């Protein structure tokens, strides 16, 4: 009998299996989001410089608001650009 590695699937067997999203701030116990750290804030911004929504990042509402405020403060101090072309 053929093993699972020998079987060729017509469709991907991993379709429909989604990874559960989690709030990284709750998981790692991060209480303060520093707006002076643009490298960390880059994780929450797409290539055009837009803030990623909660449904993509998996942040809780409390920390998503703090991330948004930190990104806006960093933009105001010119640590991060408002609009870019392929920022990452």
N, C-alpha and C. Protein backbone atom coordinates (compact mmCIF):
# COMPACT_ATOMS: atom_id res chain seq x y z
N UNK A 1 0.84 -1.18 0.00
CA UNK A 1 0.00 0.00 0.00
C UNK A 1 0.88 1.24 0.00
N UNK A 2 0.47 2.26 -0.71
CA UNK A 2 1.26 3.48 -0.85
C UNK A 2 1.15 4.33 0.43
N UNK A 3 2.27 4.94 0.78
CA UNK A 3 2.25 5.83 1.95
C UNK A 3 1.68 7.19 1.55
N UNK A 4 1.46 8.01 2.52
CA UNK A 4 0.87 9.33 2.27
C UNK A 4 1.78 10.19 1.40
N UNK A 5 3.09 9.97 1.49
CA UNK A 5 4.03 10.76 0.69
C UNK A 5 3.97 10.39 -0.79
N UNK A 6 3.56 9.15 -1.08
CA UNK A 6 3.51 8.70 -2.47
C UNK A 6 2.24 9.12 -3.18
N UNK A 7 1.21 9.48 -2.43
CA UNK A 7 -0.08 9.83 -3.01
C UNK A 7 -0.02 11.26 -3.54
N UNK A 8 -0.44 11.44 -4.77
CA UNK A 8 -0.52 12.77 -5.37
C UNK A 8 -1.96 13.24 -5.30
N UNK A 9 -2.20 14.35 -4.63
CA UNK A 9 -3.54 14.88 -4.48
C UNK A 9 -3.88 15.80 -5.64
N UNK A 10 -5.12 15.75 -6.06
CA UNK A 10 -5.57 16.66 -7.12
C UNK A 10 -5.71 18.08 -6.57
N UNK A 11 -6.10 18.17 -5.31
CA UNK A 11 -6.20 19.48 -4.68
C UNK A 11 -5.36 19.46 -3.40
N UNK A 12 -5.02 20.60 -2.94
CA UNK A 12 -4.18 20.73 -1.75
C UNK A 12 -4.97 20.29 -0.53
N UNK A 13 -4.49 19.30 0.25
CA UNK A 13 -5.24 18.86 1.43
C UNK A 13 -5.27 19.88 2.56
N UNK A 14 -4.45 20.93 2.48
CA UNK A 14 -4.42 21.95 3.53
C UNK A 14 -5.40 23.08 3.29
N UNK A 15 -6.15 23.01 2.18
CA UNK A 15 -7.13 24.07 1.89
C UNK A 15 -8.24 24.00 2.93
N UNK A 16 -8.58 25.11 3.47
CA UNK A 16 -9.63 25.17 4.48
C UNK A 16 -9.09 25.16 5.89
N UNK A 17 -7.85 24.75 6.08
CA UNK A 17 -7.24 24.76 7.40
C UNK A 17 -6.57 26.12 7.58
N UNK A 18 -7.08 26.89 8.49
CA UNK A 18 -6.51 28.21 8.73
C UNK A 18 -5.81 28.22 10.07
N UNK A 19 -4.73 28.97 10.14
CA UNK A 19 -4.05 29.13 11.40
C UNK A 19 -4.86 30.09 12.27
N UNK A 20 -4.96 29.77 13.53
CA UNK A 20 -5.71 30.65 14.41
C UNK A 20 -4.90 31.92 14.67
N UNK A 21 -5.56 33.05 14.58
CA UNK A 21 -4.90 34.32 14.80
C UNK A 21 -4.86 34.60 16.30
N UNK A 22 -3.85 35.30 16.73
CA UNK A 22 -3.72 35.61 18.14
C UNK A 22 -3.16 37.02 18.28
N UNK A 23 -3.43 37.60 19.41
CA UNK A 23 -2.89 38.92 19.70
C UNK A 23 -1.49 38.74 20.27
N UNK A 24 -0.49 39.17 19.53
CA UNK A 24 0.90 38.97 19.97
C UNK A 24 1.21 39.76 21.23
N UNK A 25 0.46 40.83 21.48
CA UNK A 25 0.70 41.64 22.67
C UNK A 25 0.23 40.91 23.92
N UNK A 26 -0.92 40.25 23.83
CA UNK A 26 -1.40 39.47 24.97
C UNK A 26 -0.55 38.22 25.18
N UNK A 27 -0.14 37.59 24.08
CA UNK A 27 0.61 36.34 24.18
C UNK A 27 1.98 36.56 24.82
N UNK A 28 2.67 37.62 24.43
CA UNK A 28 4.01 37.88 24.94
C UNK A 28 4.04 38.88 26.08
N UNK A 29 2.89 39.39 26.49
CA UNK A 29 2.82 40.29 27.64
C UNK A 29 3.38 41.67 27.38
N UNK A 30 3.25 42.17 26.16
CA UNK A 30 3.73 43.51 25.82
C UNK A 30 2.69 44.52 26.28
N UNK A 31 3.07 45.41 27.17
CA UNK A 31 2.13 46.40 27.70
C UNK A 31 2.24 47.75 26.99
N UNK A 32 3.46 48.11 26.58
CA UNK A 32 3.68 49.43 26.01
C UNK A 32 4.16 49.29 24.56
N UNK A 33 3.56 50.06 23.67
CA UNK A 33 3.97 50.07 22.27
C UNK A 33 4.70 51.38 22.03
N UNK A 34 5.98 51.28 21.71
CA UNK A 34 6.83 52.46 21.58
C UNK A 34 6.76 53.01 20.16
N UNK A 35 6.36 54.25 20.01
CA UNK A 35 6.29 54.87 18.70
C UNK A 35 7.68 55.24 18.16
N UNK A 36 8.70 55.17 19.02
CA UNK A 36 10.06 55.50 18.57
C UNK A 36 10.76 54.29 17.94
N UNK A 37 10.07 53.17 17.81
CA UNK A 37 10.64 51.96 17.23
C UNK A 37 9.94 51.64 15.91
N UNK A 38 10.34 52.30 14.81
CA UNK A 38 9.66 52.10 13.53
C UNK A 38 9.86 50.70 12.95
N UNK A 39 10.94 50.01 13.33
CA UNK A 39 11.16 48.65 12.82
C UNK A 39 10.08 47.70 13.33
N UNK A 40 9.66 47.85 14.57
CA UNK A 40 8.59 47.03 15.11
C UNK A 40 7.25 47.40 14.49
N UNK A 41 7.03 48.69 14.28
CA UNK A 41 5.75 49.14 13.73
C UNK A 41 5.59 48.77 12.26
N UNK A 42 6.67 48.44 11.58
CA UNK A 42 6.60 48.02 10.18
C UNK A 42 5.80 46.75 10.00
N UNK A 43 5.69 45.93 11.05
CA UNK A 43 4.93 44.69 10.96
C UNK A 43 3.44 44.94 10.78
N UNK A 44 2.98 46.14 11.13
CA UNK A 44 1.57 46.46 11.09
C UNK A 44 1.22 47.42 9.96
N UNK A 45 2.13 47.56 8.98
CA UNK A 45 1.94 48.46 7.86
C UNK A 45 2.20 47.68 6.58
N UNK A 46 1.38 47.90 5.55
CA UNK A 46 1.61 47.19 4.29
C UNK A 46 2.63 47.95 3.44
N UNK A 47 2.86 47.48 2.23
CA UNK A 47 3.91 48.05 1.37
C UNK A 47 3.63 49.49 0.98
N UNK A 48 2.37 49.89 0.93
CA UNK A 48 2.02 51.27 0.58
C UNK A 48 2.05 52.20 1.78
N UNK A 49 2.22 51.66 2.99
CA UNK A 49 2.27 52.49 4.18
C UNK A 49 0.96 52.56 4.92
N UNK A 50 -0.04 51.75 4.51
CA UNK A 50 -1.34 51.77 5.18
C UNK A 50 -1.30 50.86 6.41
N UNK A 51 -2.06 51.23 7.42
CA UNK A 51 -2.15 50.41 8.63
C UNK A 51 -3.00 49.19 8.33
N UNK A 52 -2.49 48.01 8.67
CA UNK A 52 -3.22 46.77 8.43
C UNK A 52 -4.37 46.62 9.44
N UNK A 53 -5.51 46.10 9.00
CA UNK A 53 -6.65 45.94 9.91
C UNK A 53 -6.48 44.78 10.88
N UNK A 54 -7.32 44.75 11.89
CA UNK A 54 -7.28 43.71 12.92
C UNK A 54 -7.51 42.33 12.35
N UNK A 55 -8.36 42.21 11.35
CA UNK A 55 -8.68 40.90 10.82
C UNK A 55 -7.48 40.26 10.14
N UNK A 56 -6.50 41.05 9.76
CA UNK A 56 -5.28 40.52 9.16
C UNK A 56 -4.20 40.31 10.20
N UNK A 57 -4.00 41.29 11.09
CA UNK A 57 -2.93 41.19 12.08
C UNK A 57 -3.29 40.29 13.24
N UNK A 58 -4.58 40.20 13.58
CA UNK A 58 -5.00 39.37 14.71
C UNK A 58 -4.91 40.08 16.05
N UNK A 59 -4.65 41.37 16.05
CA UNK A 59 -4.56 42.11 17.31
C UNK A 59 -5.93 42.26 17.95
N UNK A 60 -5.93 42.40 19.27
CA UNK A 60 -7.18 42.71 19.95
C UNK A 60 -7.49 44.19 19.74
N UNK A 61 -8.71 44.57 20.04
CA UNK A 61 -9.14 45.95 19.80
C UNK A 61 -8.29 46.95 20.59
N UNK A 62 -8.01 46.61 21.84
CA UNK A 62 -7.25 47.50 22.71
C UNK A 62 -5.87 47.79 22.13
N UNK A 63 -5.18 46.76 21.68
CA UNK A 63 -3.82 46.93 21.18
C UNK A 63 -3.80 47.44 19.74
N UNK A 64 -4.84 47.17 18.97
CA UNK A 64 -4.89 47.72 17.62
C UNK A 64 -5.00 49.24 17.68
N UNK A 65 -5.77 49.75 18.64
CA UNK A 65 -5.87 51.20 18.80
C UNK A 65 -4.52 51.79 19.21
N UNK A 66 -3.81 51.10 20.11
CA UNK A 66 -2.50 51.59 20.54
C UNK A 66 -1.50 51.56 19.39
N UNK A 67 -1.56 50.53 18.56
CA UNK A 67 -0.67 50.43 17.39
C UNK A 67 -0.96 51.57 16.42
N UNK A 68 -2.24 51.84 16.18
CA UNK A 68 -2.61 52.92 15.26
C UNK A 68 -2.11 54.27 15.76
N UNK A 69 -2.26 54.52 17.04
CA UNK A 69 -1.78 55.79 17.62
C UNK A 69 -0.26 55.87 17.51
N UNK A 70 0.44 54.77 17.78
CA UNK A 70 1.90 54.77 17.71
C UNK A 70 2.38 55.01 16.28
N UNK A 71 1.71 54.41 15.30
CA UNK A 71 2.09 54.62 13.90
C UNK A 71 1.85 56.07 13.50
N UNK A 72 0.74 56.63 13.93
CA UNK A 72 0.43 58.02 13.59
C UNK A 72 1.43 58.98 14.24
N UNK A 73 1.85 58.69 15.46
CA UNK A 73 2.86 59.52 16.12
C UNK A 73 4.21 59.41 15.41
N UNK A 74 4.57 58.19 15.00
CA UNK A 74 5.83 57.99 14.29
C UNK A 74 5.81 58.71 12.94
N UNK A 75 4.67 58.72 12.29
CA UNK A 75 4.54 59.46 11.02
C UNK A 75 4.68 60.96 11.26
N UNK A 76 4.08 61.43 12.33
CA UNK A 76 4.13 62.86 12.63
C UNK A 76 5.56 63.32 12.92
N UNK A 77 6.36 62.46 13.55
CA UNK A 77 7.75 62.80 13.84
C UNK A 77 8.71 62.43 12.70
N UNK A 78 8.15 62.02 11.57
CA UNK A 78 8.92 61.66 10.37
C UNK A 78 9.81 60.44 10.58
N UNK A 79 9.41 59.54 11.49
CA UNK A 79 10.12 58.28 11.64
C UNK A 79 9.62 57.26 10.63
N UNK A 80 8.37 57.43 10.22
CA UNK A 80 7.75 56.58 9.20
C UNK A 80 7.08 57.48 8.18
N UNK A 81 7.07 57.09 6.92
CA UNK A 81 6.40 57.91 5.91
C UNK A 81 4.89 57.70 5.90
N UNK A 82 4.16 58.70 5.44
CA UNK A 82 2.72 58.58 5.33
C UNK A 82 2.35 57.68 4.15
N UNK A 83 2.92 57.96 2.99
CA UNK A 83 2.62 57.21 1.77
C UNK A 83 3.95 56.85 1.11
N UNK A 84 4.03 55.61 0.61
CA UNK A 84 5.26 55.19 -0.03
C UNK A 84 4.96 54.30 -1.21
N UNK A 85 5.98 54.00 -1.97
CA UNK A 85 5.92 52.97 -3.00
C UNK A 85 6.85 51.87 -2.58
N UNK A 86 6.28 50.73 -2.22
CA UNK A 86 7.04 49.54 -1.82
C UNK A 86 7.98 49.86 -0.67
N UNK A 87 7.41 50.20 0.47
CA UNK A 87 8.17 50.60 1.67
C UNK A 87 8.96 49.46 2.26
N UNK A 88 8.41 48.26 2.22
CA UNK A 88 9.09 47.13 2.84
C UNK A 88 10.13 46.53 1.92
